Structure formats: structure tokens, C-alpha cells
């Protein structure tokens, strides 16, 4: 049995423990993730129970009944009413309890480089340094599982059919996930957390390309030399034409450089996938 507990305190709204939902599965507990769903062909059942309180206020789960879709609708509506309405900034694409997606315009901003094994012929990034460099526009998708980071081909608000490109930022895996390392993770998935997510991406130190990243750009030299060139000459615009479509050339994906429009990964496809 887990050795942790959850403590609940009634808020100013007078919340009290009234019901409990119990979940049953034929899958052994060791194969289940905490608070996650069962995998594969697992059979599942759920029951809903009233919670009774004794004279001292101690709760007891009473006899229950099978959980129905009507129960789910009722409680989903009640839970939804606890979320405060908020106006969406123009750069936000999706604001959902399980996903936040927004785009970041192209910009020259400070970049932090501390390369662990810099090539000998670098001009600007041979030593630990902070220099202004141009970033391409980006699509960021935050979920409960992490942060997805993708470059965009044009500097405008993307639509569902906008294709996405591999991000050139060094601490991003080829599958688009941010490599958190020791970067503090935002605790909430909300619009108010957007600055914290962007800081985790743009204000952290870049030490090396992740495996396969050099195959996500066109031309010679690799990502480190590309950033070195941009920093050394004080470039004001990132050469987006150097970036390959997302998935093209990535390790283990078997996608060639002539990726067709029919199979291109788009903003809509990433959002529909729902998981970073």
C-alpha cells in the first residue's frame, strides 16, 4: 500500500466530502500508474458511493451503485463550475484543463550557452556566454506530461493546417519534448503559467544537442555551428529554411527528407494527439 496520504481542507466555499468513486480493474496494481488509466484490453468497472460521517465527523464509504454516464455528466458539470472564466490572450491557441497551446513570435532574445564539448572552430560560443540570437516562431504545447516545442514556418498565428518544424533549441528532444533536466517545472497548467514555461525553454543553459538533433536541420555544420554563426554575426532573423519538417530525419522514425504535404505534421494533428 502507498505510504503517502492526501489531506483535504474545506475551502471558503464550504466544500465537504460527500461521495467517492471506486475504480476496479482486472490488471494487477503493479502494472498501473498512479491515477492513470488501465492499458490494453484491461476490463474496468466503477462504482459511486455516498460518504457517511459519524458523530466525530469521520467519513465512511457507504454501499454504492454502478457509475453511469449520467453520474459522470453531473460531476463533470459540477467540477467545471470551479474553473474561473478568463479572457484568452491572442497568442493562446488552446486553453483546456489538460492542455495549453500557444505560439511565440520570432524574436531576438538572449541565449545562454555553456557547451560541454565545443568544436574547436567556434567564434562566439567557445566559452560559457550569453548572447542575443534570433529565434524562429514557435508552437508550445503544455500538458500534464511535459512541454512540446516546435518551430513554425511563418511568423504569424498558426491554424490547424499549419505545418510544424523541428525546433533548433538545443535542449529539445527530436520528438519535440523539452529536456527538463534540473529546470523547475511549473506547478499549474494555466495561462498564468505561460511565462514560467517560456522561461524554462528560453532562459535555461544550452550545453549540447540532443541525440539526433543535428539531423533535423538542412545544410552542413550542425546546430551548434548554426547558432555560433548567428551569434557571431549578430543576425536578426533565424533562417527557417534550414529547419526540416517535424519528424523528417528524426532518429528512429524512418521518414525521409521528401516528406509530402499529405503526411506532414500540422498544428491540428499535434493538438488532436493530446499528449506531449
C-alpha atoms as a PDB file:
ATOM      1  CA  UNK A   1       0.000   0.000   0.000  1.00  0.00           C
ATOM      2  CA  UNK A   2       1.186   3.519  -0.758  1.00  0.00           C
ATOM      3  CA  UNK A   3       2.744   5.290   2.200  1.00  0.00           C
ATOM      4  CA  UNK A   4       1.520   8.721   1.190  1.00  0.00           C
ATOM      5  CA  UNK A   5      -1.746  10.424   2.057  1.00  0.00           C
ATOM      6  CA  UNK A   6      -3.799  13.280   0.725  1.00  0.00           C
ATOM      7  CA  UNK A   7      -5.143  15.860   3.170  1.00  0.00           C
ATOM      8  CA  UNK A   8      -8.227  17.855   2.196  1.00  0.00           C
ATOM      9  CA  UNK A   9      -9.354  21.033   3.878  1.00  0.00           C
ATOM     10  CA  UNK A  10     -12.723  22.635   3.167  1.00  0.00           C
ATOM     11  CA  UNK A  11     -12.345  25.924   1.320  1.00  0.00           C
ATOM     12  CA  UNK A  12     -14.223  29.137   1.902  1.00  0.00           C
ATOM     13  CA  UNK A  13     -16.943  27.737  -0.368  1.00  0.00           C
ATOM     14  CA  UNK A  14     -17.878  25.158   2.291  1.00  0.00           C
ATOM     15  CA  UNK A  15     -16.815  22.014   0.429  1.00  0.00           C
ATOM     16  CA  UNK A  16     -17.348  18.744   2.296  1.00  0.00           C
ATOM     17  CA  UNK A  17     -16.678  15.114   1.396  1.00  0.00           C
ATOM     18  CA  UNK A  18     -19.965  13.654   0.106  1.00  0.00           C
ATOM     19  CA  UNK A  19     -19.182  10.922  -2.441  1.00  0.00           C
ATOM     20  CA  UNK A  20     -16.472   8.506  -3.511  1.00  0.00           C
ATOM     21  CA  UNK A  21     -15.835   6.758  -6.825  1.00  0.00           C
ATOM     22  CA  UNK A  22     -14.092   3.384  -6.694  1.00  0.00           C
ATOM     23  CA  UNK A  23     -12.338   2.016  -9.759  1.00  0.00           C
ATOM     24  CA  UNK A  24     -11.855  -1.729 -10.348  1.00  0.00           C
ATOM     25  CA  UNK A  25      -9.703  -3.486 -12.924  1.00  0.00           C
ATOM     26  CA  UNK A  26      -8.506  -6.997 -13.643  1.00  0.00           C
ATOM     27  CA  UNK A  27      -4.975  -5.660 -14.092  1.00  0.00           C
ATOM     28  CA  UNK A  28      -2.523  -6.148 -11.236  1.00  0.00           C
ATOM     29  CA  UNK A  29      -1.738  -2.906  -9.362  1.00  0.00           C
ATOM     30  CA  UNK A  30       1.961  -3.136 -10.238  1.00  0.00           C
ATOM     31  CA  UNK A  31       1.103  -2.516 -13.904  1.00  0.00           C
ATOM     32  CA  UNK A  32      -0.932   0.621 -13.193  1.00  0.00           C
ATOM     33  CA  UNK A  33       0.409   4.149 -12.999  1.00  0.00           C
ATOM     34  CA  UNK A  34      -0.752   6.292 -10.066  1.00  0.00           C
ATOM     35  CA  UNK A  35      -4.022   7.971 -11.031  1.00  0.00           C
ATOM     36  CA  UNK A  36      -3.595   6.686 -14.591  1.00  0.00           C
ATOM     37  CA  UNK A  37      -5.859   4.608 -16.805  1.00  0.00           C
ATOM     38  CA  UNK A  38      -5.582   0.873 -17.398  1.00  0.00           C
ATOM     39  CA  UNK A  39      -3.751  -0.197 -20.529  1.00  0.00           C
ATOM     40  CA  UNK A  40      -4.513  -2.566 -23.387  1.00  0.00           C
ATOM     41  CA  UNK A  41      -7.515  -4.901 -23.136  1.00  0.00           C
ATOM     42  CA  UNK A  42      -7.970  -4.416 -19.400  1.00  0.00           C
ATOM     43  CA  UNK A  43     -11.536  -4.739 -18.116  1.00  0.00           C
ATOM     44  CA  UNK A  44     -12.665  -1.949 -15.797  1.00  0.00           C
ATOM     45  CA  UNK A  45     -15.652  -1.188 -13.570  1.00  0.00           C
ATOM     46  CA  UNK A  46     -16.549   1.818 -11.433  1.00  0.00           C
ATOM     47  CA  UNK A  47     -18.996   2.382  -8.584  1.00  0.00           C
ATOM     48  CA  UNK A  48     -20.163   5.553  -6.885  1.00  0.00           C
ATOM     49  CA  UNK A  49     -20.792   5.715  -3.138  1.00  0.00           C
ATOM     50  CA  UNK A  50     -22.200   8.133  -0.638  1.00  0.00           C
ATOM     51  CA  UNK A  51     -19.875   9.105   2.207  1.00  0.00           C
ATOM     52  CA  UNK A  52     -21.370   8.960   5.693  1.00  0.00           C
ATOM     53  CA  UNK A  53     -19.914  10.796   8.701  1.00  0.00           C
ATOM     54  CA  UNK A  54     -20.057   9.619  12.314  1.00  0.00           C
ATOM     55  CA  UNK A  55     -20.558  11.810  15.355  1.00  0.00           C
ATOM     56  CA  UNK A  56     -16.908  12.865  15.294  1.00  0.00           C
ATOM     57  CA  UNK A  57     -17.018  13.749  11.586  1.00  0.00           C
ATOM     58  CA  UNK A  58     -15.002  10.728  10.475  1.00  0.00           C
ATOM     59  CA  UNK A  59     -16.022   9.619   6.960  1.00  0.00           C
ATOM     60  CA  UNK A  60     -17.059   6.108   5.926  1.00  0.00           C
ATOM     61  CA  UNK A  61     -17.743   4.949   2.374  1.00  0.00           C
ATOM     62  CA  UNK A  62     -21.265   3.552   2.198  1.00  0.00           C
ATOM     63  CA  UNK A  63     -22.727   0.917  -0.114  1.00  0.00           C
ATOM     64  CA  UNK A  64     -22.555   2.085  -3.720  1.00  0.00           C
ATOM     65  CA  UNK A  65     -24.066   1.554  -7.144  1.00  0.00           C
ATOM     66  CA  UNK A  66     -22.572   1.244 -10.650  1.00  0.00           C
ATOM     67  CA  UNK A  67     -21.221   4.502 -12.026  1.00  0.00           C
ATOM     68  CA  UNK A  68     -23.264   5.677 -15.014  1.00  0.00           C
ATOM     69  CA  UNK A  69     -22.737   8.237 -17.755  1.00  0.00           C
ATOM     70  CA  UNK A  70     -25.357  10.381 -16.033  1.00  0.00           C
ATOM     71  CA  UNK A  71     -23.193  10.424 -12.907  1.00  0.00           C
ATOM     72  CA  UNK A  72     -20.174  11.427 -14.979  1.00  0.00           C
ATOM     73  CA  UNK A  73     -22.060  14.256 -16.668  1.00  0.00           C
ATOM     74  CA  UNK A  74     -23.339  15.513 -13.326  1.00  0.00           C
ATOM     75  CA  UNK A  75     -19.926  15.577 -11.687  1.00  0.00           C
ATOM     76  CA  UNK A  76     -18.154  16.915 -14.792  1.00  0.00           C
ATOM     77  CA  UNK A  77     -20.529  19.864 -14.799  1.00  0.00           C
ATOM     78  CA  UNK A  78     -20.018  20.443 -11.076  1.00  0.00           C
ATOM     79  CA  UNK A  79     -16.228  20.278 -11.405  1.00  0.00           C
ATOM     80  CA  UNK A  80     -16.321  22.600 -14.394  1.00  0.00           C
ATOM     81  CA  UNK A  81     -18.042  25.265 -12.345  1.00  0.00           C
ATOM     82  CA  UNK A  82     -14.989  25.524 -10.089  1.00  0.00           C
ATOM     83  CA  UNK A  83     -12.888  26.850 -13.007  1.00  0.00           C
ATOM     84  CA  UNK A  84     -12.885  30.629 -13.204  1.00  0.00           C
ATOM     85  CA  UNK A  85     -13.633  32.115 -16.661  1.00  0.00           C
ATOM     86  CA  UNK A  86     -10.714  34.022 -18.147  1.00  0.00           C
ATOM     87  CA  UNK A  87     -10.035  36.007 -21.293  1.00  0.00           C
ATOM     88  CA  UNK A  88      -7.613  34.330 -23.698  1.00  0.00           C
ATOM     89  CA  UNK A  89      -4.607  36.330 -24.909  1.00  0.00           C
ATOM     90  CA  UNK A  90      -4.368  36.498 -28.694  1.00  0.00           C
ATOM     91  CA  UNK A  91      -1.328  34.193 -28.767  1.00  0.00           C
ATOM     92  CA  UNK A  92      -3.134  31.346 -26.961  1.00  0.00           C
ATOM     93  CA  UNK A  93      -4.494  28.635 -29.276  1.00  0.00           C
ATOM     94  CA  UNK A  94      -5.911  26.098 -26.792  1.00  0.00           C
ATOM     95  CA  UNK A  95      -6.811  26.510 -23.108  1.00  0.00           C
ATOM     96  CA  UNK A  96      -8.087  23.212 -21.693  1.00  0.00           C
ATOM     97  CA  UNK A  97      -7.747  21.616 -18.237  1.00  0.00           C
ATOM     98  CA  UNK A  98      -5.351  19.056 -19.750  1.00  0.00           C
ATOM     99  CA  UNK A  99      -3.643  21.148 -22.442  1.00  0.00           C
ATOM    100  CA  UNK A 100      -2.355  24.636 -23.042  1.00  0.00           C
ATOM    101  CA  UNK A 101      -1.122  25.571 -26.537  1.00  0.00           C
ATOM    102  CA  UNK A 102       0.207  28.918 -27.689  1.00  0.00           C
ATOM    103  CA  UNK A 103       2.584  30.406 -30.222  1.00  0.00           C
ATOM    104  CA  UNK A 104       5.624  32.617 -29.647  1.00  0.00           C
ATOM    105  CA  UNK A 105       6.525  35.121 -32.402  1.00  0.00           C
ATOM    106  CA  UNK A 106      10.023  35.259 -33.867  1.00  0.00           C
ATOM    107  CA  UNK A 107      12.301  37.384 -31.728  1.00  0.00           C
ATOM    108  CA  UNK A 108      15.903  38.257 -30.992  1.00  0.00           C
ATOM    109  CA  UNK A 109      16.441  37.358 -27.349  1.00  0.00           C
ATOM    110  CA  UNK A 110      19.340  36.454 -25.043  1.00  0.00           C
ATOM    111  CA  UNK A 111      20.526  32.853 -25.348  1.00  0.00           C
ATOM    112  CA  UNK A 112      22.554  31.000 -22.738  1.00  0.00           C
ATOM    113  CA  UNK A 113      25.313  28.712 -23.981  1.00  0.00           C
ATOM    114  CA  UNK A 114      27.662  26.587 -21.867  1.00  0.00           C
ATOM    115  CA  UNK A 115      28.724  23.915 -24.362  1.00  0.00           C
ATOM    116  CA  UNK A 116      30.158  20.801 -22.740  1.00  0.00           C
ATOM    117  CA  UNK A 117      32.274  19.855 -25.777  1.00  0.00           C
ATOM    118  CA  UNK A 118      32.523  22.829 -28.142  1.00  0.00           C
ATOM    119  CA  UNK A 119      34.080  22.302 -31.583  1.00  0.00           C
ATOM    120  CA  UNK A 120      37.491  23.938 -31.962  1.00  0.00           C
ATOM    121  CA  UNK A 121      36.446  26.314 -34.748  1.00  0.00           C
ATOM    122  CA  UNK A 122      33.668  28.199 -32.947  1.00  0.00           C
ATOM    123  CA  UNK A 123      33.763  32.000 -32.985  1.00  0.00           C
ATOM    124  CA  UNK A 124      31.192  33.124 -30.409  1.00  0.00           C
ATOM    125  CA  UNK A 125      30.225  30.063 -28.364  1.00  0.00           C
ATOM    126  CA  UNK A 126      33.601  28.544 -27.476  1.00  0.00           C
ATOM    127  CA  UNK A 127      33.185  29.566 -23.820  1.00  0.00           C
ATOM    128  CA  UNK A 128      30.220  29.975 -21.487  1.00  0.00           C
ATOM    129  CA  UNK A 129      28.376  33.055 -22.704  1.00  0.00           C
ATOM    130  CA  UNK A 130      25.080  34.871 -23.072  1.00  0.00           C
ATOM    131  CA  UNK A 131      24.463  36.469 -26.458  1.00  0.00           C
ATOM    132  CA  UNK A 132      21.448  37.791 -28.362  1.00  0.00           C
ATOM    133  CA  UNK A 133      20.369  35.461 -31.158  1.00  0.00           C
ATOM    134  CA  UNK A 134      17.291  35.281 -33.393  1.00  0.00           C
ATOM    135  CA  UNK A 135      14.699  32.606 -32.644  1.00  0.00           C
ATOM    136  CA  UNK A 136      12.140  31.392 -35.179  1.00  0.00           C
ATOM    137  CA  UNK A 137       8.440  31.483 -34.267  1.00  0.00           C
ATOM    138  CA  UNK A 138       7.487  28.586 -32.027  1.00  0.00           C
ATOM    139  CA  UNK A 139       4.473  26.493 -31.097  1.00  0.00           C
ATOM    140  CA  UNK A 140       4.441  25.376 -27.456  1.00  0.00           C
ATOM    141  CA  UNK A 141       2.075  22.698 -26.149  1.00  0.00           C
ATOM    142  CA  UNK A 142       1.999  22.081 -22.404  1.00  0.00           C
ATOM    143  CA  UNK A 143       0.227  19.027 -20.957  1.00  0.00           C
ATOM    144  CA  UNK A 144       0.334  17.091 -17.695  1.00  0.00           C
ATOM    145  CA  UNK A 145       3.198  15.077 -19.217  1.00  0.00           C
ATOM    146  CA  UNK A 146       5.536  17.858 -20.294  1.00  0.00           C
ATOM    147  CA  UNK A 147       6.157  20.634 -22.814  1.00  0.00           C
ATOM    148  CA  UNK A 148       6.197  20.128 -26.578  1.00  0.00           C
ATOM    149  CA  UNK A 149       8.397  22.551 -28.527  1.00  0.00           C
ATOM    150  CA  UNK A 150       8.047  23.060 -32.290  1.00  0.00           C
ATOM    151  CA  UNK A 151       9.144  25.729 -34.755  1.00  0.00           C
ATOM    152  CA  UNK A 152       6.713  27.360 -37.185  1.00  0.00           C
ATOM    153  CA  UNK A 153       7.391  28.179 -40.851  1.00  0.00           C
ATOM    154  CA  UNK A 154       5.944  31.719 -40.804  1.00  0.00           C
ATOM    155  CA  UNK A 155       5.774  34.459 -38.206  1.00  0.00           C
ATOM    156  CA  UNK A 156       2.007  34.577 -37.779  1.00  0.00           C
ATOM    157  CA  UNK A 157      -0.681  32.953 -35.670  1.00  0.00           C
ATOM    158  CA  UNK A 158      -0.887  29.328 -36.877  1.00  0.00           C
ATOM    159  CA  UNK A 159      -4.044  27.476 -37.841  1.00  0.00           C
ATOM    160  CA  UNK A 160      -4.950  23.801 -37.704  1.00  0.00           C
ATOM    161  CA  UNK A 161      -3.335  23.127 -41.111  1.00  0.00           C
ATOM    162  CA  UNK A 162      -0.083  24.974 -40.412  1.00  0.00           C
ATOM    163  CA  UNK A 163       2.832  22.516 -40.712  1.00  0.00           C
ATOM    164  CA  UNK A 164       5.327  22.387 -37.859  1.00  0.00           C
ATOM    165  CA  UNK A 165       9.109  22.167 -37.997  1.00  0.00           C
ATOM    166  CA  UNK A 166      11.760  20.806 -35.688  1.00  0.00           C
ATOM    167  CA  UNK A 167      12.846  23.360 -33.102  1.00  0.00           C
ATOM    168  CA  UNK A 168      16.537  24.317 -33.253  1.00  0.00           C
ATOM    169  CA  UNK A 169      16.733  24.871 -29.476  1.00  0.00           C
ATOM    170  CA  UNK A 170      19.407  22.557 -28.074  1.00  0.00           C
ATOM    171  CA  UNK A 171      17.565  21.240 -25.008  1.00  0.00           C
ATOM    172  CA  UNK A 172      14.687  19.806 -27.062  1.00  0.00           C
ATOM    173  CA  UNK A 173      14.479  16.106 -27.964  1.00  0.00           C
ATOM    174  CA  UNK A 174      13.840  15.120 -31.586  1.00  0.00           C
ATOM    175  CA  UNK A 175      10.303  14.065 -30.624  1.00  0.00           C
ATOM    176  CA  UNK A 176       9.588  17.648 -29.573  1.00  0.00           C
ATOM    177  CA  UNK A 177       9.735  17.218 -25.789  1.00  0.00           C
ATOM    178  CA  UNK A 178      11.648  19.707 -23.688  1.00  0.00           C
ATOM    179  CA  UNK A 179      14.510  18.108 -21.767  1.00  0.00           C
ATOM    180  CA  UNK A 180      13.790  19.453 -18.283  1.00  0.00           C
ATOM    181  CA  UNK A 181      16.990  18.335 -16.557  1.00  0.00           C
ATOM    182  CA  UNK A 182      17.096  20.404 -13.353  1.00  0.00           C
ATOM    183  CA  UNK A 183      14.819  23.143 -14.706  1.00  0.00           C
ATOM    184  CA  UNK A 184      11.935  23.831 -12.279  1.00  0.00           C
ATOM    185  CA  UNK A 185       8.604  22.727 -13.727  1.00  0.00           C
ATOM    186  CA  UNK A 186       5.554  24.999 -13.485  1.00  0.00           C
ATOM    187  CA  UNK A 187       3.086  23.587 -10.961  1.00  0.00           C
ATOM    188  CA  UNK A 188      -0.066  24.663 -12.789  1.00  0.00           C
ATOM    189  CA  UNK A 189      -1.342  24.184 -16.323  1.00  0.00           C
ATOM    190  CA  UNK A 190      -2.839  27.615 -16.781  1.00  0.00           C
ATOM    191  CA  UNK A 191      -2.455  30.796 -18.781  1.00  0.00           C
ATOM    192  CA  UNK A 192      -0.747  32.361 -15.790  1.00  0.00           C
ATOM    193  CA  UNK A 193       1.971  29.679 -16.117  1.00  0.00           C
ATOM    194  CA  UNK A 194       2.919  30.611 -19.701  1.00  0.00           C
ATOM    195  CA  UNK A 195       5.802  32.914 -18.613  1.00  0.00           C
ATOM    196  CA  UNK A 196       7.220  30.094 -16.467  1.00  0.00           C
ATOM    197  CA  UNK A 197       7.084  27.632 -19.372  1.00  0.00           C
ATOM    198  CA  UNK A 198       8.740  30.140 -21.706  1.00  0.00           C
ATOM    199  CA  UNK A 199      11.429  30.883 -19.138  1.00  0.00           C
ATOM    200  CA  UNK A 200      12.143  27.144 -18.789  1.00  0.00           C
ATOM    201  CA  UNK A 201      12.677  26.999 -22.549  1.00  0.00           C
ATOM    202  CA  UNK A 202      14.423  30.258 -23.400  1.00  0.00           C
ATOM    203  CA  UNK A 203      16.256  31.126 -20.168  1.00  0.00           C
ATOM    204  CA  UNK A 204      17.990  27.796 -19.471  1.00  0.00           C
ATOM    205  CA  UNK A 205      21.570  26.940 -20.371  1.00  0.00           C
ATOM    206  CA  UNK A 206      22.230  25.009 -23.588  1.00  0.00           C
ATOM    207  CA  UNK A 207      25.069  22.517 -23.171  1.00  0.00           C
ATOM    208  CA  UNK A 208      24.824  20.190 -26.200  1.00  0.00           C
ATOM    209  CA  UNK A 209      22.489  18.996 -28.960  1.00  0.00           C
ATOM    210  CA  UNK A 210      20.306  16.046 -28.013  1.00  0.00           C
ATOM    211  CA  UNK A 211      20.700  12.750 -29.887  1.00  0.00           C
ATOM    212  CA  UNK A 212      19.559  13.110 -33.493  1.00  0.00           C
ATOM    213  CA  UNK A 213      19.097  16.879 -33.404  1.00  0.00           C
ATOM    214  CA  UNK A 214      21.795  17.546 -35.997  1.00  0.00           C
ATOM    215  CA  UNK A 215      19.692  15.558 -38.489  1.00  0.00           C
ATOM    216  CA  UNK A 216      16.728  17.891 -38.027  1.00  0.00           C
ATOM    217  CA  UNK A 217      18.304  20.772 -39.960  1.00  0.00           C
ATOM    218  CA  UNK A 218      19.389  21.210 -43.558  1.00  0.00           C
ATOM    219  CA  UNK A 219      22.902  22.167 -44.611  1.00  0.00           C
ATOM    220  CA  UNK A 220      26.304  21.453 -43.172  1.00  0.00           C
ATOM    221  CA  UNK A 221      27.791  22.126 -39.782  1.00  0.00           C
ATOM    222  CA  UNK A 222      25.076  21.026 -37.382  1.00  0.00           C
ATOM    223  CA  UNK A 223      23.083  23.002 -34.834  1.00  0.00           C
ATOM    224  CA  UNK A 224      25.969  24.258 -32.700  1.00  0.00           C
ATOM    225  CA  UNK A 225      27.758  25.842 -35.657  1.00  0.00           C
ATOM    226  CA  UNK A 226      24.464  27.307 -36.872  1.00  0.00           C
ATOM    227  CA  UNK A 227      23.906  29.043 -33.538  1.00  0.00           C
ATOM    228  CA  UNK A 228      27.561  30.089 -33.436  1.00  0.00           C
ATOM    229  CA  UNK A 229      27.273  31.708 -36.853  1.00  0.00           C
ATOM    230  CA  UNK A 230      24.061  33.552 -35.920  1.00  0.00           C
ATOM    231  CA  UNK A 231      25.632  34.853 -32.693  1.00  0.00           C
ATOM    232  CA  UNK A 232      28.985  35.802 -34.241  1.00  0.00           C
ATOM    233  CA  UNK A 233      27.490  37.956 -36.999  1.00  0.00           C
ATOM    234  CA  UNK A 234      24.695  39.424 -34.903  1.00  0.00           C
ATOM    235  CA  UNK A 235      21.953  38.018 -37.129  1.00  0.00           C
ATOM    236  CA  UNK A 236      18.470  39.472 -36.674  1.00  0.00           C
ATOM    237  CA  UNK A 237      16.447  36.720 -38.362  1.00  0.00           C
ATOM    238  CA  UNK A 238      16.623  32.948 -37.995  1.00  0.00           C
ATOM    239  CA  UNK A 239      16.974  31.047 -41.311  1.00  0.00           C
ATOM    240  CA  UNK A 240      13.767  28.998 -41.050  1.00  0.00           C
ATOM    241  CA  UNK A 241      14.582  27.323 -44.380  1.00  0.00           C
ATOM    242  CA  UNK A 242      17.304  25.379 -42.541  1.00  0.00           C
ATOM    243  CA  UNK A 243      14.721  23.579 -40.381  1.00  0.00           C
ATOM    244  CA  UNK A 244      13.226  20.272 -41.510  1.00  0.00           C
ATOM    245  CA  UNK A 245       9.529  19.422 -41.153  1.00  0.00           C
ATOM    246  CA  UNK A 246       8.829  17.874 -37.788  1.00  0.00           C
ATOM    247  CA  UNK A 247       9.646  14.152 -37.930  1.00  0.00           C
ATOM    248  CA  UNK A 248      11.846  14.379 -41.030  1.00  0.00           C
ATOM    249  CA  UNK A 249      15.254  12.874 -40.376  1.00  0.00           C
ATOM    250  CA  UNK A 250      14.478  12.183 -36.731  1.00  0.00           C
ATOM    251  CA  UNK A 251      16.134   9.130 -35.270  1.00  0.00           C
ATOM    252  CA  UNK A 252      14.027   6.003 -35.395  1.00  0.00           C
ATOM    253  CA  UNK A 253      11.128   7.486 -37.361  1.00  0.00           C
ATOM    254  CA  UNK A 254      12.159   6.337 -40.805  1.00  0.00           C
ATOM    255  CA  UNK A 255      10.963   9.494 -42.529  1.00  0.00           C
ATOM    256  CA  UNK A 256      12.962  10.721 -45.465  1.00  0.00           C
ATOM    257  CA  UNK A 257      13.709  14.303 -46.479  1.00  0.00           C
ATOM    258  CA  UNK A 258      10.967  14.326 -49.150  1.00  0.00           C
ATOM    259  CA  UNK A 259       8.135  14.349 -46.690  1.00  0.00           C
ATOM    260  CA  UNK A 260       4.931  15.061 -48.553  1.00  0.00           C
ATOM    261  CA  UNK A 261       2.260  17.561 -47.565  1.00  0.00           C
ATOM    262  CA  UNK A 262      -0.194  14.689 -47.162  1.00  0.00           C
ATOM    263  CA  UNK A 263       1.718  13.249 -44.201  1.00  0.00           C
ATOM    264  CA  UNK A 264       3.117  16.494 -42.771  1.00  0.00           C
ATOM    265  CA  UNK A 265       2.636  17.010 -39.057  1.00  0.00           C
ATOM    266  CA  UNK A 266       0.396  20.022 -38.513  1.00  0.00           C
ATOM    267  CA  UNK A 267      -0.657  22.099 -35.539  1.00  0.00           C
ATOM    268  CA  UNK A 268      -4.060  20.415 -35.647  1.00  0.00           C
ATOM    269  CA  UNK A 269      -2.567  16.916 -35.592  1.00  0.00           C
ATOM    270  CA  UNK A 270      -0.355  17.704 -32.616  1.00  0.00           C
ATOM    271  CA  UNK A 271      -3.239  19.148 -30.637  1.00  0.00           C
ATOM    272  CA  UNK A 272      -5.545  16.253 -31.547  1.00  0.00           C
ATOM    273  CA  UNK A 273      -2.883  13.816 -30.333  1.00  0.00           C
ATOM    274  CA  UNK A 274      -3.343  15.339 -26.913  1.00  0.00           C
ATOM    275  CA  UNK A 275      -0.081  14.133 -25.381  1.00  0.00           C
ATOM    276  CA  UNK A 276       3.455  15.517 -25.424  1.00  0.00           C
END
